[in-house]
């Protein structure tokens, strides 16, 4: 379900994948998987051709933003990854925190401490994208959100600047982030009429 609303919102990030055929003669860099994750070394914020063994071949752009903020009553590192493709966007919302333990000595000194990093991903069910003064609200499942013709047109003609997004998880948690200017410029390639029309071809 896609709803459009004219309200003022803050910023946030995402991930997308859709099986839209890419032109075999393209000069774009080729990526062998649409997967997102903390261990992936991806070409961020530039249009690429993705040859995924499960989703097929399509053109898309990977985006990443990270920052530190309060999340679930703790200060955590928040990372938003997204893959924008002609017919969908998939988002990966990752939170990481350090859990340290040790024993106290005199004068407040902690000895024998050790730390482990706790990493978790969140299920995002609502995505907001603000282009100029228009806010698009998109409902999705399993972190995947459809891109309608109306949204594709707005993304393709978006001003070349950072774009505000908002993610809402299934538990009602809200994370605001940004889509960087490089990714916004790449949308002009990903959401051309020619690329989107190729989705309808057999």
Protein backbone atom coordinates (compact mmCIF):
# COMPACT_ATOMS: atom_id res chain seq x y z
CA UNK A 1 0.00 0.00 0.00
CA UNK A 2 1.30 3.45 -0.91
CA UNK A 3 -0.02 6.62 0.65
CA UNK A 4 1.07 10.18 -0.10
CA UNK A 5 0.91 12.80 2.61
CA UNK A 6 2.04 16.42 2.76
CA UNK A 7 3.61 16.59 6.20
CA UNK A 8 7.00 17.68 7.40
CA UNK A 9 9.28 14.82 8.48
CA UNK A 10 12.88 14.25 9.53
CA UNK A 11 15.54 11.99 7.94
CA UNK A 12 16.48 8.27 7.69
CA UNK A 13 18.02 5.36 5.51
CA UNK A 14 17.20 1.94 3.57
CA UNK A 15 17.75 -1.31 1.19
CA UNK A 16 16.03 -2.48 -2.05
CA UNK A 17 16.05 -5.17 -4.66
CA UNK A 18 13.84 -5.87 -7.60
CA UNK A 19 14.38 -8.10 -10.59
CA UNK A 20 14.47 -5.60 -13.45
CA UNK A 21 16.55 -6.58 -16.49
CA UNK A 22 19.62 -4.46 -17.11
CA UNK A 23 21.06 -3.65 -20.50
CA UNK A 24 23.72 -6.25 -21.23
CA UNK A 25 25.84 -3.62 -22.99
CA UNK A 26 25.96 -1.28 -20.01
CA UNK A 27 29.30 0.14 -18.89
CA UNK A 28 28.23 0.11 -15.26
CA UNK A 29 30.25 -1.75 -12.64
CA UNK A 30 28.89 -5.27 -12.08
CA UNK A 31 28.02 -6.53 -8.57
CA UNK A 32 27.41 -10.27 -8.15
CA UNK A 33 24.73 -10.09 -5.42
CA UNK A 34 21.93 -7.85 -4.17
CA UNK A 35 22.67 -8.80 -0.57
CA UNK A 36 23.27 -6.15 2.08
CA UNK A 37 25.25 -6.57 5.31
CA UNK A 38 28.03 -5.28 7.52
CA UNK A 39 30.62 -7.53 5.85
CA UNK A 40 29.78 -6.50 2.29
CA UNK A 41 32.29 -4.34 0.42
CA UNK A 42 29.97 -2.55 -1.98
CA UNK A 43 30.29 0.38 -4.42
CA UNK A 44 28.12 2.83 -2.53
CA UNK A 45 26.19 5.72 -4.08
CA UNK A 46 26.79 4.94 -7.74
CA UNK A 47 24.61 3.14 -10.31
CA UNK A 48 25.66 -0.47 -10.83
CA UNK A 49 24.52 -3.54 -12.73
CA UNK A 50 23.57 -6.31 -10.31
CA UNK A 51 23.79 -9.95 -11.42
CA UNK A 52 22.06 -11.74 -8.56
CA UNK A 53 21.76 -15.58 -8.70
CA UNK A 54 18.21 -15.41 -7.26
CA UNK A 55 16.82 -12.07 -8.47
CA UNK A 56 18.39 -11.91 -11.90
CA UNK A 57 20.02 -8.94 -13.61
CA UNK A 58 18.99 -5.35 -12.92
CA UNK A 59 20.31 -1.83 -12.38
CA UNK A 60 20.38 -0.34 -8.89
CA UNK A 61 22.26 1.81 -6.40
CA UNK A 62 23.47 0.86 -2.92
CA UNK A 63 23.33 3.47 -0.15
CA UNK A 64 24.67 3.56 3.40
CA UNK A 65 24.45 6.02 6.29
CA UNK A 66 25.53 5.54 9.91
CA UNK A 67 25.46 7.65 13.05
CA UNK A 68 25.27 7.39 16.84
CA UNK A 69 22.01 8.02 18.66
CA UNK A 70 19.79 6.82 21.50
CA UNK A 71 18.00 3.59 20.59
CA UNK A 72 16.00 1.46 23.04
CA UNK A 73 17.37 3.38 26.05
CA UNK A 74 21.01 2.97 25.06
CA UNK A 75 23.47 4.89 22.91
CA UNK A 76 24.05 2.77 19.85
CA UNK A 77 25.66 2.93 16.43
CA UNK A 78 22.85 2.94 13.87
CA UNK A 79 23.53 1.96 10.27
CA UNK A 80 20.99 2.18 7.46
CA UNK A 81 21.76 0.35 4.24
CA UNK A 82 19.51 0.28 1.21
CA UNK A 83 19.38 -0.97 -2.35
CA UNK A 84 17.28 1.13 -4.72
CA UNK A 85 16.14 -0.68 -7.86
CA UNK A 86 13.59 0.31 -10.52
CA UNK A 87 10.61 -1.42 -8.89
CA UNK A 88 11.50 -1.65 -5.19
CA UNK A 89 13.78 -0.59 -2.36
CA UNK A 90 15.01 -2.92 0.36
CA UNK A 91 16.25 -1.55 3.67
CA UNK A 92 18.59 -2.99 6.28
CA UNK A 93 18.50 -1.28 9.69
CA UNK A 94 21.39 -2.37 11.91
CA UNK A 95 22.05 -1.36 15.51
CA UNK A 96 25.26 -2.18 17.36
CA UNK A 97 26.25 -1.63 20.98
CA UNK A 98 29.21 -2.58 23.17
CA UNK A 99 28.66 -4.70 26.26
CA UNK A 100 31.60 -4.36 28.68
CA UNK A 101 32.16 -6.17 31.92
CA UNK A 102 34.89 -6.01 34.59
CA UNK A 103 35.51 -5.57 38.30
CA UNK A 104 36.08 -2.31 40.16
CA UNK A 105 39.22 -1.39 42.10
CA UNK A 106 39.83 1.62 44.32
CA UNK A 107 39.44 5.15 42.98
CA UNK A 108 36.91 4.09 40.33
CA UNK A 109 39.41 2.11 38.26
CA UNK A 110 37.95 -0.86 36.36
CA UNK A 111 40.26 -3.83 35.82
CA UNK A 112 39.93 -7.03 33.86
CA UNK A 113 37.29 -5.52 31.62
CA UNK A 114 36.28 -7.10 28.31
CA UNK A 115 33.87 -5.88 25.68
CA UNK A 116 31.76 -7.60 23.08
CA UNK A 117 29.83 -5.99 20.25
CA UNK A 118 26.12 -6.71 20.07
CA UNK A 119 24.70 -6.38 16.54
CA UNK A 120 21.02 -6.68 15.66
CA UNK A 121 18.87 -5.94 12.62
CA UNK A 122 15.32 -4.56 12.81
CA UNK A 123 12.26 -5.37 10.73
CA UNK A 124 11.16 -2.16 8.99
CA UNK A 125 7.48 -1.96 7.97
CA UNK A 126 7.01 1.71 7.01
CA UNK A 127 9.23 3.93 4.89
CA UNK A 128 8.88 7.69 4.44
CA UNK A 129 10.76 9.56 1.72
CA UNK A 130 10.64 13.36 1.51
CA UNK A 131 11.31 14.92 -1.90
CA UNK A 132 10.99 18.70 -1.91
CA UNK A 133 7.82 19.26 0.13
CA UNK A 134 6.20 15.94 -0.80
CA UNK A 135 6.32 13.05 1.64
CA UNK A 136 5.75 9.54 0.32
CA UNK A 137 4.71 6.90 2.84
CA UNK A 138 5.16 3.30 1.72
CA UNK A 139 4.14 0.13 3.54
CA UNK A 140 6.23 -2.99 3.00
CA UNK A 141 7.04 -6.48 4.22
CA UNK A 142 10.38 -8.00 5.23
CA UNK A 143 12.14 -4.64 4.72
CA UNK A 144 11.04 -4.52 1.06
CA UNK A 145 9.01 -1.59 -0.32
CA UNK A 146 7.48 -1.10 -3.78
CA UNK A 147 8.39 1.82 -6.00
CA UNK A 148 5.35 3.12 -7.89
CA UNK A 149 5.51 5.19 -11.07
CA UNK A 150 4.73 8.31 -9.03
CA UNK A 151 7.55 7.68 -6.57
CA UNK A 152 9.98 6.76 -9.36
CA UNK A 153 9.25 10.06 -11.11
CA UNK A 154 9.83 11.99 -7.88
CA UNK A 155 13.14 10.20 -7.23
CA UNK A 156 14.35 10.65 -10.80
CA UNK A 157 13.75 14.41 -10.69
CA UNK A 158 14.78 14.96 -7.06
CA UNK A 159 17.13 17.92 -6.41
CA UNK A 160 20.75 16.87 -6.15
CA UNK A 161 21.05 17.14 -2.40
CA UNK A 162 20.65 14.93 0.68
CA UNK A 163 17.15 13.46 0.98
CA UNK A 164 15.38 12.85 4.29
CA UNK A 165 13.94 9.43 5.01
CA UNK A 166 12.25 7.85 8.02
CA UNK A 167 12.04 4.16 8.97
CA UNK A 168 9.43 2.72 11.31
CA UNK A 169 9.95 -0.78 12.70
CA UNK A 170 7.30 -3.37 13.48
CA UNK A 171 7.65 -2.40 17.17
CA UNK A 172 6.97 1.27 16.44
CA UNK A 173 10.57 2.44 16.77
CA UNK A 174 11.39 5.42 14.55
CA UNK A 175 14.77 6.10 12.95
CA UNK A 176 15.47 9.19 10.84
CA UNK A 177 18.33 9.21 8.37
CA UNK A 178 19.60 10.67 5.11
CA UNK A 179 20.11 9.45 1.58
CA UNK A 180 23.33 11.06 0.35
CA UNK A 181 23.69 13.29 -2.69
CA UNK A 182 25.63 10.65 -4.65
CA UNK A 183 22.77 8.17 -4.37
CA UNK A 184 20.23 10.86 -5.26
CA UNK A 185 22.21 11.60 -8.44
CA UNK A 186 22.27 7.87 -9.25
CA UNK A 187 18.45 7.75 -9.01
CA UNK A 188 18.40 9.66 -12.30
CA UNK A 189 19.91 6.55 -13.94
CA UNK A 190 18.00 3.91 -11.99
CA UNK A 191 14.58 5.48 -12.53
CA UNK A 192 14.76 6.44 -16.21
CA UNK A 193 11.67 5.49 -18.19
CA UNK A 194 13.74 3.10 -20.30
CA UNK A 195 14.98 1.13 -17.31
CA UNK A 196 11.54 0.93 -15.68
CA UNK A 197 9.86 -0.08 -18.92
CA UNK A 198 12.31 -2.97 -19.30
CA UNK A 199 10.70 -4.49 -16.18
CA UNK A 200 7.53 -5.17 -18.20
CA UNK A 201 9.40 -6.96 -20.98
CA UNK A 202 9.37 -10.80 -20.91
